[in-house]
Amino acid sequence: MAKGPAVIGVLTEPARPTWWKANRHIVLLILGLIVGFHLASPDSDAKTHHPKPSPASTVPATPTGSSATPSPSH
């Protein structure tokens, strides 16, 4: 008489994934968006602040030994 097939193993349902394994892609996406927004915002500390140049003097500089009004050179 022939024997039936031998049992090699028993199939069971895998355990449910933990909350982290199920939602880590969402958490990392939100974290990446927050970091990207922080780096791209204009008030971020990552950029250097350049001081504004002071306005130039409105009084023209005259060379020493000459008058303030130029003489015609015809």
Protein backbone atom coordinates (compact mmCIF):
# COMPACT_ATOMS: atom_id res chain seq x y z
CA MET A 1 0.00 0.00 0.00
CA ALA A 2 1.17 3.50 -0.80
CA LYS A 3 1.66 6.05 1.89
CA GLY A 4 0.19 9.57 1.66
CA PRO A 5 2.41 12.62 1.21
CA ALA A 6 4.65 13.42 4.15
CA VAL A 7 4.03 16.65 6.04
CA ILE A 8 7.07 18.88 5.65
CA GLY A 9 5.86 21.99 7.42
CA VAL A 10 2.73 23.81 8.49
CA LEU A 11 1.81 27.07 6.81
CA THR A 12 0.74 29.80 9.18
CA GLU A 13 -0.15 33.44 8.65
CA PRO A 14 2.76 35.75 9.23
CA ALA A 15 2.60 38.01 12.25
CA ARG A 16 1.19 41.48 11.70
CA PRO A 17 3.88 44.09 11.07
CA THR A 18 4.67 46.51 13.83
CA TRP A 19 3.41 50.08 13.63
CA TRP A 20 6.88 51.29 12.60
CA LYS A 21 7.22 48.79 9.75
CA ALA A 22 3.76 49.64 8.48
CA ASN A 23 4.13 53.44 8.64
CA ARG A 24 7.83 54.23 8.38
CA HIS A 25 7.56 55.43 4.76
CA ILE A 26 4.95 58.01 5.82
CA VAL A 27 7.00 59.17 8.81
CA LEU A 28 10.18 59.54 6.73
CA LEU A 29 8.29 61.38 3.98
CA ILE A 30 6.88 63.92 6.43
CA LEU A 31 10.27 64.33 8.11
CA GLY A 32 11.93 64.92 4.72
CA LEU A 33 9.32 67.53 3.78
CA ILE A 34 9.81 69.38 7.06
CA VAL A 35 13.61 69.40 6.70
CA GLY A 36 13.38 70.48 3.06
CA PHE A 37 10.98 73.29 3.89
CA HIS A 38 13.25 74.47 6.70
CA LEU A 39 16.31 74.52 4.43
CA ALA A 40 14.47 76.31 1.62
CA SER A 41 12.78 78.94 3.76
CA PRO A 42 14.16 82.48 3.40
CA ASP A 43 14.58 83.01 7.15
CA SER A 44 16.75 79.92 7.48
CA ASP A 45 20.03 80.22 9.40
CA ALA A 46 21.77 78.16 6.69
CA LYS A 47 22.40 81.14 4.44
CA THR A 48 24.91 83.88 5.15
CA HIS A 49 23.74 87.40 5.81
CA HIS A 50 25.42 90.09 3.71
CA PRO A 51 25.40 93.60 5.19
CA LYS A 52 23.95 96.34 2.99
CA PRO A 53 26.54 98.75 1.60
CA SER A 54 26.46 102.24 3.03
CA PRO A 55 25.39 105.00 0.65
CA ALA A 56 28.21 106.87 -1.08
CA SER A 57 28.96 110.47 -0.23
CA THR A 58 27.22 113.04 -2.45
CA VAL A 59 30.06 115.57 -2.16
CA PRO A 60 32.50 115.13 -5.07
CA ALA A 61 36.12 114.71 -4.10
CA THR A 62 38.47 117.38 -5.45
CA PRO A 63 42.15 116.77 -5.96
CA THR A 64 44.49 118.90 -3.85
CA GLY A 65 45.85 122.03 -5.48
CA SER A 66 42.98 122.60 -7.92
CA SER A 67 39.87 124.69 -7.72
CA ALA A 68 36.39 123.36 -7.38
CA THR A 69 35.32 124.71 -10.79
CA PRO A 70 37.10 123.32 -13.82
CA SER A 71 38.58 125.78 -16.31
CA PRO A 72 37.84 125.42 -20.03
CA SER A 73 40.72 123.86 -21.95
CA HIS A 74 40.19 125.38 -25.48
